[in-house]
Amino acid sequence: MNESPTLTTIVDDYGDLCFPILIRGSKIIVFRISEDDTAHTFGGELSSNIRIPLNAVIHNLATLDTTSCEGLADVEAKQLHLIYAFRHDGDGVNYKVKGESIEVTSISPDQPDEDWPYEDYPDVFPRRFLEVWGIIDADQDAIDGLLHQEVDMSGSDLLIAVFPPSESYGVSLWGEYGDPEMVQCIFEYNLKKGEVNTYNLCG
């Protein structure tokens, strides 16, 4: 799979997005798991610079290097830490980015569920390398077609990250029911304010 990605090659037979992407304006940056060492990673331990509330369970979904990613040169943080509260069955986690530090500002519910999203959920995802497969120019209608629901992407200061489940990660994000539904993790990153809102979209 060395060809550049297209709107048809980043979806499965049902039209569901099956690769992680970043969206900024009309550009879609497509990532995929790599066997080579890269500056971008899936999973792994949380950074020590991340402050989380007591009893909260947060997973490091991905760490993306802005200095080696076209279209992100003006982002203040050198790394984008995409963290998600998979064990909290609710409205997601919001956090504030200041320089290289991150502080979780809200999480709902505030207590994790022992069996959510499935029993024996891993404390840490396996660390895998991600590479930029390529960049796709797309209009708003095409971008909307990749998401399970319409997301407001107005404003040049907004960066959207979308992570669907994938067997290539080496771990199930949502379990035997959520993964087949291709539940998407959404990150709305306001680059100007340094605020990140997360939630999921179901197919």
N, C-alpha and C. Protein backbone atom coordinates (compact mmCIF):
# COMPACT_ATOMS: atom_id res chain seq x y z
N MET A 1 0.85 -1.20 0.00
CA MET A 1 0.00 0.00 0.00
C MET A 1 0.88 1.25 0.00
N ASN A 2 1.61 1.42 -1.11
CA ASN A 2 2.52 2.56 -1.22
C ASN A 2 1.91 3.73 -1.97
N GLU A 3 0.75 3.50 -2.62
CA GLU A 3 0.10 4.59 -3.32
C GLU A 3 -0.39 5.62 -2.32
N SER A 4 -0.52 6.86 -2.77
CA SER A 4 -1.04 7.91 -1.91
C SER A 4 -2.49 7.62 -1.56
N PRO A 5 -2.92 8.00 -0.35
CA PRO A 5 -4.30 7.73 0.04
C PRO A 5 -5.30 8.55 -0.75
N THR A 6 -6.49 8.02 -0.89
CA THR A 6 -7.60 8.74 -1.52
C THR A 6 -8.83 8.59 -0.63
N LEU A 7 -9.87 9.31 -0.95
CA LEU A 7 -11.10 9.23 -0.17
C LEU A 7 -11.72 7.84 -0.22
N THR A 8 -11.39 7.06 -1.24
CA THR A 8 -11.94 5.71 -1.35
C THR A 8 -11.04 4.66 -0.69
N THR A 9 -9.74 4.92 -0.57
CA THR A 9 -8.85 3.92 0.01
C THR A 9 -8.72 4.03 1.52
N ILE A 10 -9.27 5.10 2.11
CA ILE A 10 -9.19 5.23 3.58
C ILE A 10 -10.48 4.80 4.26
N VAL A 11 -11.41 4.24 3.49
CA VAL A 11 -12.66 3.71 4.05
C VAL A 11 -12.78 2.23 3.70
N ASP A 12 -13.62 1.51 4.49
CA ASP A 12 -13.83 0.10 4.21
C ASP A 12 -14.96 -0.08 3.21
N ASP A 13 -15.39 -1.32 3.02
CA ASP A 13 -16.42 -1.62 2.01
C ASP A 13 -17.76 -0.99 2.35
N TYR A 14 -17.94 -0.60 3.62
CA TYR A 14 -19.19 0.01 4.04
C TYR A 14 -19.12 1.54 4.09
N GLY A 15 -17.96 2.08 3.68
CA GLY A 15 -17.80 3.52 3.67
C GLY A 15 -17.35 4.11 4.99
N ASP A 16 -16.96 3.23 5.95
CA ASP A 16 -16.51 3.71 7.26
C ASP A 16 -15.02 4.00 7.24
N LEU A 17 -14.64 5.12 7.81
CA LEU A 17 -13.23 5.49 7.93
C LEU A 17 -12.48 4.41 8.71
N CYS A 18 -11.32 3.98 8.21
CA CYS A 18 -10.58 2.93 8.90
C CYS A 18 -9.11 3.28 9.13
N PHE A 19 -8.76 4.56 8.96
CA PHE A 19 -7.42 5.05 9.27
C PHE A 19 -7.53 6.29 10.14
N PRO A 20 -6.56 6.52 11.04
CA PRO A 20 -6.56 7.77 11.81
C PRO A 20 -6.29 8.96 10.89
N ILE A 21 -6.97 10.06 11.17
CA ILE A 21 -6.77 11.26 10.34
C ILE A 21 -6.74 12.52 11.21
N LEU A 22 -6.07 13.53 10.69
CA LEU A 22 -6.17 14.90 11.19
C LEU A 22 -6.82 15.73 10.10
N ILE A 23 -7.73 16.61 10.50
CA ILE A 23 -8.41 17.48 9.54
C ILE A 23 -8.13 18.92 9.91
N ARG A 24 -7.63 19.68 8.95
CA ARG A 24 -7.44 21.11 9.15
C ARG A 24 -7.82 21.82 7.87
N GLY A 25 -8.89 22.59 7.96
CA GLY A 25 -9.38 23.24 6.76
C GLY A 25 -9.83 22.19 5.75
N SER A 26 -9.28 22.26 4.54
CA SER A 26 -9.65 21.31 3.49
C SER A 26 -8.66 20.16 3.36
N LYS A 27 -7.72 20.06 4.28
CA LYS A 27 -6.69 19.03 4.19
C LYS A 27 -6.94 17.91 5.21
N ILE A 28 -6.81 16.69 4.74
CA ILE A 28 -6.93 15.50 5.58
C ILE A 28 -5.56 14.83 5.62
N ILE A 29 -4.95 14.79 6.79
CA ILE A 29 -3.66 14.12 6.96
C ILE A 29 -3.95 12.70 7.43
N VAL A 30 -3.54 11.71 6.65
CA VAL A 30 -3.87 10.32 6.92
C VAL A 30 -2.66 9.61 7.52
N PHE A 31 -2.90 8.91 8.64
CA PHE A 31 -1.85 8.15 9.31
C PHE A 31 -2.12 6.65 9.17
N ARG A 32 -1.08 5.87 9.34
CA ARG A 32 -1.22 4.42 9.39
C ARG A 32 -0.10 3.84 10.24
N ILE A 33 -0.31 2.63 10.75
CA ILE A 33 0.71 1.95 11.54
C ILE A 33 1.92 1.66 10.67
N SER A 34 3.11 1.86 11.25
CA SER A 34 4.35 1.65 10.52
C SER A 34 5.25 0.67 11.27
N GLU A 35 5.99 -0.13 10.54
CA GLU A 35 6.98 -1.01 11.14
C GLU A 35 8.31 -0.30 11.34
N ASP A 36 8.45 0.89 10.77
CA ASP A 36 9.67 1.68 10.91
C ASP A 36 9.54 2.67 12.05
N ASP A 37 10.67 3.06 12.63
CA ASP A 37 10.67 4.09 13.66
C ASP A 37 10.26 5.42 13.04
N THR A 38 9.28 6.09 13.68
CA THR A 38 8.84 7.40 13.20
C THR A 38 8.69 8.33 14.39
N ALA A 39 8.34 9.58 14.12
CA ALA A 39 8.15 10.57 15.18
C ALA A 39 6.76 10.50 15.80
N HIS A 40 5.87 9.71 15.21
CA HIS A 40 4.49 9.61 15.67
C HIS A 40 4.25 8.23 16.26
N THR A 41 3.48 8.17 17.35
CA THR A 41 3.22 6.87 17.97
C THR A 41 1.76 6.70 18.35
N PHE A 42 1.32 5.46 18.33
CA PHE A 42 0.04 5.05 18.89
C PHE A 42 0.31 4.44 20.25
N GLY A 43 -0.55 4.72 21.24
CA GLY A 43 -0.47 4.07 22.53
C GLY A 43 0.74 4.46 23.35
N GLY A 44 1.14 3.57 24.24
CA GLY A 44 2.26 3.84 25.13
C GLY A 44 1.81 4.53 26.41
N GLU A 45 2.76 4.75 27.30
CA GLU A 45 2.49 5.37 28.58
C GLU A 45 2.12 6.85 28.43
N LEU A 46 1.32 7.34 29.39
CA LEU A 46 1.01 8.77 29.43
C LEU A 46 2.27 9.56 29.73
N SER A 47 2.39 10.73 29.15
CA SER A 47 3.51 11.62 29.45
C SER A 47 3.42 12.10 30.89
N SER A 48 4.57 12.29 31.51
CA SER A 48 4.61 12.80 32.89
C SER A 48 4.15 14.24 32.97
N ASN A 49 3.99 14.91 31.83
CA ASN A 49 3.55 16.31 31.79
C ASN A 49 2.02 16.43 31.82
N ILE A 50 1.32 15.30 31.91
CA ILE A 50 -0.14 15.31 31.88
C ILE A 50 -0.68 15.18 33.30
N ARG A 51 -1.46 16.17 33.73
CA ARG A 51 -2.07 16.15 35.06
C ARG A 51 -3.52 15.69 34.93
N ILE A 52 -3.85 14.61 35.66
CA ILE A 52 -5.21 14.08 35.58
C ILE A 52 -5.82 14.03 36.98
N PRO A 53 -7.14 14.11 37.08
CA PRO A 53 -7.81 14.07 38.39
C PRO A 53 -7.60 12.72 39.10
N LEU A 54 -7.67 12.76 40.40
CA LEU A 54 -7.57 11.55 41.20
C LEU A 54 -8.67 10.57 40.80
N ASN A 55 -8.31 9.31 40.66
CA ASN A 55 -9.21 8.21 40.32
C ASN A 55 -9.58 8.14 38.83
N ALA A 56 -9.24 9.16 38.06
CA ALA A 56 -9.53 9.10 36.63
C ALA A 56 -8.60 8.11 35.94
N VAL A 57 -9.10 7.49 34.90
CA VAL A 57 -8.30 6.56 34.11
C VAL A 57 -8.23 7.10 32.68
N ILE A 58 -7.06 7.52 32.28
CA ILE A 58 -6.87 8.13 30.97
C ILE A 58 -5.88 7.28 30.17
N HIS A 59 -6.17 7.10 28.90
CA HIS A 59 -5.27 6.37 28.02
C HIS A 59 -4.62 7.32 27.00
N ASN A 60 -3.38 7.05 26.72
CA ASN A 60 -2.69 7.77 25.65
C ASN A 60 -3.02 7.08 24.34
N LEU A 61 -3.85 7.71 23.53
CA LEU A 61 -4.24 7.11 22.27
C LEU A 61 -3.15 7.30 21.22
N ALA A 62 -2.60 8.52 21.15
CA ALA A 62 -1.56 8.78 20.16
C ALA A 62 -0.77 10.02 20.55
N THR A 63 0.45 10.06 20.08
CA THR A 63 1.31 11.24 20.23
C THR A 63 1.85 11.58 18.86
N LEU A 64 1.50 12.74 18.36
CA LEU A 64 1.85 13.14 17.01
C LEU A 64 2.83 14.31 17.06
N ASP A 65 3.87 14.22 16.27
CA ASP A 65 4.92 15.24 16.24
C ASP A 65 4.57 16.31 15.21
N THR A 66 4.36 17.53 15.67
CA THR A 66 3.93 18.60 14.76
C THR A 66 5.07 19.10 13.88
N THR A 67 6.31 18.93 14.34
CA THR A 67 7.45 19.47 13.59
C THR A 67 7.74 18.67 12.32
N SER A 68 7.21 17.46 12.26
CA SER A 68 7.48 16.63 11.08
C SER A 68 6.20 16.31 10.32
N CYS A 69 5.19 17.17 10.50
CA CYS A 69 3.90 16.93 9.86
C CYS A 69 3.49 18.18 9.08
N GLU A 70 3.37 18.03 7.79
CA GLU A 70 3.00 19.15 6.93
C GLU A 70 1.65 19.72 7.34
N GLY A 71 1.57 21.05 7.40
CA GLY A 71 0.33 21.71 7.75
C GLY A 71 0.18 22.02 9.22
N LEU A 72 1.16 21.59 10.04
CA LEU A 72 1.09 21.83 11.48
C LEU A 72 2.26 22.64 12.00
N ALA A 73 3.00 23.28 11.10
CA ALA A 73 4.21 24.00 11.49
C ALA A 73 3.92 25.16 12.44
N ASP A 74 2.70 25.71 12.39
CA ASP A 74 2.38 26.86 13.24
C ASP A 74 1.78 26.45 14.58
N VAL A 75 1.68 25.15 14.85
CA VAL A 75 1.14 24.69 16.13
C VAL A 75 2.19 24.89 17.22
N GLU A 76 1.78 25.52 18.33
CA GLU A 76 2.73 25.86 19.39
C GLU A 76 3.37 24.62 20.00
N ALA A 77 2.57 23.65 20.36
CA ALA A 77 3.09 22.44 20.99
C ALA A 77 3.85 21.60 19.97
N LYS A 78 4.99 21.09 20.35
CA LYS A 78 5.77 20.26 19.45
C LYS A 78 5.16 18.88 19.28
N GLN A 79 4.38 18.48 20.28
CA GLN A 79 3.70 17.19 20.20
C GLN A 79 2.22 17.37 20.51
N LEU A 80 1.39 16.64 19.76
CA LEU A 80 -0.03 16.59 20.05
C LEU A 80 -0.30 15.31 20.83
N HIS A 81 -0.66 15.46 22.10
CA HIS A 81 -1.01 14.31 22.92
C HIS A 81 -2.52 14.10 22.83
N LEU A 82 -2.91 13.03 22.21
CA LEU A 82 -4.33 12.71 22.07
C LEU A 82 -4.67 11.69 23.15
N ILE A 83 -5.31 12.16 24.22
CA ILE A 83 -5.64 11.31 25.36
C ILE A 83 -7.15 11.14 25.44
N TYR A 84 -7.57 9.96 25.93
CA TYR A 84 -9.00 9.67 25.90
C TYR A 84 -9.39 8.85 27.12
N ALA A 85 -10.61 9.11 27.62
CA ALA A 85 -11.10 8.43 28.83
C ALA A 85 -11.98 7.24 28.43
N PHE A 86 -11.37 6.20 27.89
CA PHE A 86 -12.13 5.04 27.42
C PHE A 86 -12.90 4.36 28.55
N ARG A 87 -12.34 4.36 29.76
CA ARG A 87 -12.94 3.63 30.87
C ARG A 87 -14.09 4.41 31.53
N HIS A 88 -14.33 5.63 31.10
CA HIS A 88 -15.41 6.46 31.64
C HIS A 88 -16.55 6.49 30.62
N ASP A 89 -17.65 5.88 30.97
CA ASP A 89 -18.79 5.75 30.06
C ASP A 89 -19.64 7.02 30.13
N GLY A 90 -19.19 8.06 29.40
CA GLY A 90 -19.91 9.33 29.49
C GLY A 90 -19.58 10.27 28.35
N ASP A 91 -19.38 11.53 28.71
CA ASP A 91 -19.26 12.60 27.72
C ASP A 91 -17.84 12.89 27.27
N GLY A 92 -16.86 12.10 27.71
CA GLY A 92 -15.49 12.32 27.26
C GLY A 92 -14.68 13.14 28.24
N VAL A 93 -13.49 13.52 27.81
CA VAL A 93 -12.57 14.28 28.64
C VAL A 93 -12.15 15.54 27.89
N ASN A 94 -12.05 16.64 28.62
CA ASN A 94 -11.57 17.89 28.05
C ASN A 94 -10.26 18.26 28.74
N TYR A 95 -9.34 18.83 27.97
CA TYR A 95 -8.07 19.19 28.58
C TYR A 95 -7.48 20.44 27.95
N LYS A 96 -6.57 21.04 28.70
CA LYS A 96 -5.94 22.30 28.32
C LYS A 96 -4.46 22.05 28.06
N VAL A 97 -3.99 22.56 26.94
CA VAL A 97 -2.60 22.43 26.56
C VAL A 97 -1.91 23.78 26.72
N LYS A 98 -0.82 23.79 27.49
CA LYS A 98 -0.04 25.01 27.68
C LYS A 98 1.42 24.64 27.52
N GLY A 99 1.98 25.03 26.38
CA GLY A 99 3.35 24.62 26.09
C GLY A 99 3.39 23.11 25.92
N GLU A 100 4.23 22.46 26.71
CA GLU A 100 4.33 21.00 26.66
C GLU A 100 3.57 20.34 27.80
N SER A 101 2.82 21.13 28.58
CA SER A 101 2.06 20.59 29.71
C SER A 101 0.59 20.47 29.36
N ILE A 102 -0.07 19.50 30.00
CA ILE A 102 -1.49 19.25 29.77
C ILE A 102 -2.18 19.07 31.11
N GLU A 103 -3.34 19.70 31.23
CA GLU A 103 -4.14 19.53 32.44
C GLU A 103 -5.56 19.16 32.05
N VAL A 104 -6.04 18.05 32.59
CA VAL A 104 -7.42 17.64 32.35
C VAL A 104 -8.34 18.59 33.11
N THR A 105 -9.25 19.24 32.41
CA THR A 105 -10.14 20.23 33.04
C THR A 105 -11.51 19.67 33.38
N SER A 106 -11.94 18.63 32.70
CA SER A 106 -13.22 18.01 33.03
C SER A 106 -13.25 16.60 32.49
N ILE A 107 -13.99 15.75 33.18
CA ILE A 107 -14.18 14.37 32.74
C ILE A 107 -15.53 13.90 33.27
N SER A 108 -16.30 13.24 32.42
CA SER A 108 -17.65 12.83 32.81
C SER A 108 -17.92 11.41 32.31
N PRO A 109 -18.33 10.54 33.26
CA PRO A 109 -18.42 10.74 34.71
C PRO A 109 -17.03 10.79 35.33
N ASP A 110 -16.95 11.21 36.59
CA ASP A 110 -15.63 11.39 37.20
C ASP A 110 -15.02 10.08 37.68
N GLN A 111 -15.81 9.00 37.71
CA GLN A 111 -15.30 7.70 38.13
C GLN A 111 -15.34 6.73 36.95
N PRO A 112 -14.30 5.92 36.79
CA PRO A 112 -14.30 4.93 35.70
C PRO A 112 -15.23 3.77 36.01
N ASP A 113 -15.62 3.06 34.97
CA ASP A 113 -16.45 1.86 35.10
C ASP A 113 -15.53 0.64 34.94
N GLU A 114 -15.59 -0.26 35.90
CA GLU A 114 -14.66 -1.39 35.91
C GLU A 114 -14.78 -2.26 34.66
N ASP A 115 -15.97 -2.39 34.12
CA ASP A 115 -16.17 -3.30 32.98
C ASP A 115 -16.43 -2.57 31.67
N TRP A 116 -16.16 -1.28 31.64
CA TRP A 116 -16.39 -0.51 30.40
C TRP A 116 -15.06 -0.12 29.77
N PRO A 117 -14.93 -0.19 28.44
CA PRO A 117 -15.95 -0.68 27.50
C PRO A 117 -16.01 -2.21 27.40
N TYR A 118 -15.05 -2.90 28.06
CA TYR A 118 -15.16 -4.36 28.17
C TYR A 118 -14.28 -4.82 29.33
N GLU A 119 -14.49 -6.05 29.78
CA GLU A 119 -13.75 -6.57 30.92
C GLU A 119 -12.26 -6.68 30.59
N ASP A 120 -11.43 -6.49 31.63
CA ASP A 120 -9.97 -6.61 31.51
C ASP A 120 -9.41 -5.65 30.45
N TYR A 121 -9.96 -4.44 30.45
CA TYR A 121 -9.47 -3.44 29.51
C TYR A 121 -8.01 -3.12 29.85
N PRO A 122 -7.14 -3.01 28.86
CA PRO A 122 -5.72 -2.77 29.15
C PRO A 122 -5.48 -1.42 29.80
N ASP A 123 -4.55 -1.38 30.75
CA ASP A 123 -4.19 -0.12 31.41
C ASP A 123 -3.44 0.80 30.46
N VAL A 124 -2.68 0.22 29.56
CA VAL A 124 -1.89 0.97 28.58
C VAL A 124 -2.00 0.26 27.24
N PHE A 125 -2.17 1.01 26.18
CA PHE A 125 -2.21 0.43 24.84
C PHE A 125 -0.78 0.10 24.38
N PRO A 126 -0.63 -0.94 23.57
CA PRO A 126 0.71 -1.24 23.03
C PRO A 126 1.23 -0.06 22.21
N ARG A 127 2.50 0.20 22.34
CA ARG A 127 3.10 1.33 21.62
C ARG A 127 3.49 0.87 20.22
N ARG A 128 2.93 1.57 19.24
CA ARG A 128 3.22 1.28 17.83
C ARG A 128 3.59 2.59 17.14
N PHE A 129 4.38 2.48 16.11
CA PHE A 129 4.73 3.68 15.36
C PHE A 129 3.65 3.99 14.32
N LEU A 130 3.43 5.28 14.13
CA LEU A 130 2.52 5.76 13.08
C LEU A 130 3.32 6.56 12.07
N GLU A 131 2.91 6.47 10.82
CA GLU A 131 3.53 7.29 9.79
C GLU A 131 2.45 8.06 9.04
N VAL A 132 2.85 9.20 8.48
CA VAL A 132 1.94 9.95 7.62
C VAL A 132 1.89 9.25 6.27
N TRP A 133 0.74 8.69 5.96
CA TRP A 133 0.57 8.01 4.68
C TRP A 133 0.49 9.03 3.55
N GLY A 134 -0.19 10.15 3.80
CA GLY A 134 -0.33 11.17 2.78
C GLY A 134 -1.38 12.19 3.18
N ILE A 135 -1.56 13.18 2.32
CA ILE A 135 -2.51 14.26 2.57
C ILE A 135 -3.50 14.33 1.42
N ILE A 136 -4.77 14.44 1.78
CA ILE A 136 -5.85 14.52 0.79
C ILE A 136 -6.50 15.90 0.87
N ASP A 137 -6.68 16.53 -0.27
CA ASP A 137 -7.46 17.77 -0.33
C ASP A 137 -8.92 17.40 -0.57
N ALA A 138 -9.80 17.92 0.28
CA ALA A 138 -11.21 17.53 0.19
C ALA A 138 -12.11 18.69 0.54
N ASP A 139 -13.32 18.69 -0.01
CA ASP A 139 -14.28 19.73 0.35
C ASP A 139 -15.05 19.29 1.59
N GLN A 140 -15.89 20.17 2.12
CA GLN A 140 -16.58 19.90 3.36
C GLN A 140 -17.51 18.69 3.26
N ASP A 141 -18.17 18.53 2.13
CA ASP A 141 -19.07 17.40 1.96
C ASP A 141 -18.31 16.08 2.05
N ALA A 142 -17.13 16.03 1.44
CA ALA A 142 -16.33 14.80 1.47
C ALA A 142 -15.84 14.52 2.88
N ILE A 143 -15.45 15.56 3.60
CA ILE A 143 -15.00 15.40 4.99
C ILE A 143 -16.16 14.91 5.86
N ASP A 144 -17.33 15.52 5.69
CA ASP A 144 -18.51 15.10 6.46
C ASP A 144 -18.83 13.63 6.21
N GLY A 145 -18.56 13.16 5.00
CA GLY A 145 -18.86 11.78 4.66
C GLY A 145 -17.99 10.77 5.39
N LEU A 146 -16.86 11.23 5.95
CA LEU A 146 -15.97 10.33 6.68
C LEU A 146 -16.37 10.18 8.13
N LEU A 147 -17.22 11.09 8.61
CA LEU A 147 -17.60 11.10 10.02
C LEU A 147 -19.03 10.59 10.18
N HIS A 148 -19.30 9.99 11.33
CA HIS A 148 -20.63 9.44 11.56
C HIS A 148 -21.68 10.53 11.77
N GLN A 149 -21.25 11.71 12.20
CA GLN A 149 -22.14 12.85 12.34
C GLN A 149 -21.38 14.10 11.91
N GLU A 150 -22.13 15.13 11.55
CA GLU A 150 -21.49 16.37 11.10
C GLU A 150 -20.81 17.06 12.28
N VAL A 151 -19.59 17.52 12.06
CA VAL A 151 -18.80 18.23 13.06
C VAL A 151 -18.51 19.63 12.55
N ASP A 152 -18.72 20.62 13.41
CA ASP A 152 -18.46 22.01 13.03
C ASP A 152 -16.96 22.25 12.93
N MET A 153 -16.48 22.50 11.73
CA MET A 153 -15.05 22.67 11.52
C MET A 153 -14.70 24.09 11.09
N SER A 154 -15.57 25.02 11.38
CA SER A 154 -15.34 26.40 10.98
C SER A 154 -14.21 26.99 11.81
N GLY A 155 -13.41 27.82 11.18
CA GLY A 155 -12.32 28.51 11.88
C GLY A 155 -10.98 27.89 11.58
N SER A 156 -10.00 28.73 11.28
CA SER A 156 -8.65 28.25 10.95
C SER A 156 -7.90 27.75 12.17
N ASP A 157 -8.40 28.06 13.36
CA ASP A 157 -7.71 27.65 14.58
C ASP A 157 -8.14 26.26 15.05
N LEU A 158 -8.99 25.59 14.32
CA LEU A 158 -9.52 24.30 14.76
C LEU A 158 -8.83 23.15 14.02
N LEU A 159 -8.37 22.19 14.81
CA LEU A 159 -7.78 20.96 14.28
C LEU A 159 -8.62 19.80 14.80
N ILE A 160 -9.02 18.92 13.90
CA ILE A 160 -9.84 17.77 14.28
C ILE A 160 -9.02 16.50 14.08
N ALA A 161 -8.98 15.66 15.11
CA ALA A 161 -8.37 14.34 14.99
C ALA A 161 -9.47 13.30 15.11
N VAL A 162 -9.40 12.28 14.26
CA VAL A 162 -10.39 11.20 14.26
C VAL A 162 -9.65 9.86 14.29
N PHE A 163 -9.95 9.07 15.31
CA PHE A 163 -9.34 7.74 15.42
C PHE A 163 -10.44 6.68 15.45
N PRO A 164 -10.58 5.93 14.36
CA PRO A 164 -11.50 4.78 14.37
C PRO A 164 -10.79 3.56 14.93
N PRO A 165 -11.51 2.51 15.31
CA PRO A 165 -10.84 1.28 15.72
C PRO A 165 -10.13 0.64 14.53
N SER A 166 -9.09 -0.13 14.81
CA SER A 166 -8.35 -0.80 13.74
C SER A 166 -7.60 -1.99 14.32
N GLU A 167 -7.65 -3.12 13.65
CA GLU A 167 -6.91 -4.28 14.09
C GLU A 167 -5.41 -4.02 14.06
N SER A 168 -4.97 -3.07 13.25
CA SER A 168 -3.54 -2.79 13.13
C SER A 168 -2.94 -2.21 14.41
N TYR A 169 -3.79 -1.68 15.31
CA TYR A 169 -3.29 -1.14 16.57
C TYR A 169 -2.78 -2.24 17.51
N GLY A 170 -3.30 -3.44 17.33
CA GLY A 170 -2.94 -4.53 18.22
C GLY A 170 -3.73 -4.53 19.51
N VAL A 171 -4.84 -3.78 19.56
CA VAL A 171 -5.69 -3.72 20.73
C VAL A 171 -7.09 -3.29 20.29
N SER A 172 -8.09 -3.79 20.99
CA SER A 172 -9.47 -3.38 20.72
C SER A 172 -9.78 -2.12 21.52
N LEU A 173 -10.26 -1.08 20.85
CA LEU A 173 -10.61 0.16 21.55
C LEU A 173 -11.97 0.05 22.24
N TRP A 174 -12.94 -0.62 21.58
CA TRP A 174 -14.31 -0.59 22.08
C TRP A 174 -14.92 -1.95 22.32
N GLY A 175 -14.17 -3.02 22.07
CA GLY A 175 -14.70 -4.35 22.35
C GLY A 175 -15.49 -4.94 21.19
N GLU A 176 -16.10 -6.09 21.46
CA GLU A 176 -16.73 -6.87 20.40
C GLU A 176 -17.97 -6.20 19.81
N TYR A 177 -18.55 -5.25 20.52
CA TYR A 177 -19.73 -4.56 19.99
C TYR A 177 -19.38 -3.21 19.39
N GLY A 178 -18.47 -2.47 20.05
CA GLY A 178 -18.14 -1.13 19.58
C GLY A 178 -17.24 -1.10 18.36
N ASP A 179 -16.27 -2.01 18.31
CA ASP A 179 -15.35 -2.01 17.17
C ASP A 179 -16.06 -2.26 15.84
N PRO A 180 -16.97 -3.26 15.76
CA PRO A 180 -17.68 -3.45 14.48
C PRO A 180 -18.53 -2.25 14.08
N GLU A 181 -18.95 -1.46 15.07
CA GLU A 181 -19.72 -0.25 14.76
C GLU A 181 -18.81 0.90 14.33
N MET A 182 -17.50 0.65 14.36
CA MET A 182 -16.50 1.65 13.95
C MET A 182 -16.67 2.97 14.71
N VAL A 183 -16.83 2.84 16.04
CA VAL A 183 -16.98 4.03 16.89
C VAL A 183 -15.73 4.90 16.75
N GLN A 184 -15.93 6.18 16.46
CA GLN A 184 -14.83 7.11 16.22
C GLN A 184 -14.52 7.96 17.44
N CYS A 185 -13.26 8.03 17.82
CA CYS A 185 -12.81 8.99 18.84
C CYS A 185 -12.54 10.32 18.16
N ILE A 186 -13.20 11.37 18.64
CA ILE A 186 -13.07 12.69 18.04
C ILE A 186 -12.35 13.63 19.01
N PHE A 187 -11.39 14.38 18.49
CA PHE A 187 -10.68 15.39 19.26
C PHE A 187 -10.84 16.72 18.54
N GLU A 188 -11.45 17.69 19.21
CA GLU A 188 -11.57 19.04 18.67
C GLU A 188 -10.54 19.91 19.38
N TYR A 189 -9.51 20.28 18.67
CA TYR A 189 -8.36 20.98 19.24
C TYR A 189 -8.39 22.43 18.78
N ASN A 190 -8.70 23.35 19.72
CA ASN A 190 -8.66 24.77 19.43
C ASN A 190 -7.22 25.23 19.62
N LEU A 191 -6.52 25.45 18.52
CA LEU A 191 -5.10 25.76 18.59
C LEU A 191 -4.82 27.11 19.24
N LYS A 192 -5.74 28.05 19.06
CA LYS A 192 -5.54 29.38 19.63
C LYS A 192 -5.70 29.36 21.15
N LYS A 193 -6.70 28.65 21.63
CA LYS A 193 -6.96 28.60 23.08
C LYS A 193 -6.22 27.46 23.77
N GLY A 194 -5.71 26.50 23.00
CA GLY A 194 -5.05 25.35 23.60
C GLY A 194 -6.01 24.43 24.32
N GLU A 195 -7.25 24.38 23.86
CA GLU A 195 -8.27 23.56 24.50
C GLU A 195 -8.65 22.39 23.60
N VAL A 196 -8.79 21.21 24.21
CA VAL A 196 -9.16 20.01 23.47
C VAL A 196 -10.42 19.40 24.07
N ASN A 197 -11.44 19.23 23.25
CA ASN A 197 -12.67 18.56 23.66
C ASN A 197 -12.73 17.20 22.96
N THR A 198 -13.07 16.16 23.70
CA THR A 198 -13.14 14.82 23.10
C THR A 198 -14.52 14.22 23.30
N TYR A 199 -14.89 13.37 22.37
CA TYR A 199 -16.15 12.62 22.45
C TYR A 199 -16.08 11.51 21.42
N ASN A 200 -17.10 10.69 21.34
CA ASN A 200 -17.11 9.64 20.32
C ASN A 200 -18.37 9.72 19.48
N LEU A 201 -18.26 9.22 18.28
CA LEU A 201 -19.37 9.16 17.34
C LEU A 201 -19.59 7.71 16.95
N CYS A 202 -20.84 7.26 17.05
CA CYS A 202 -21.18 5.89 16.72
C CYS A 202 -21.74 5.79 15.31
N GLY A 203 -21.45 4.69 14.65
CA GLY A 203 -21.93 4.50 13.29
C GLY A 203 -23.40 4.13 13.25
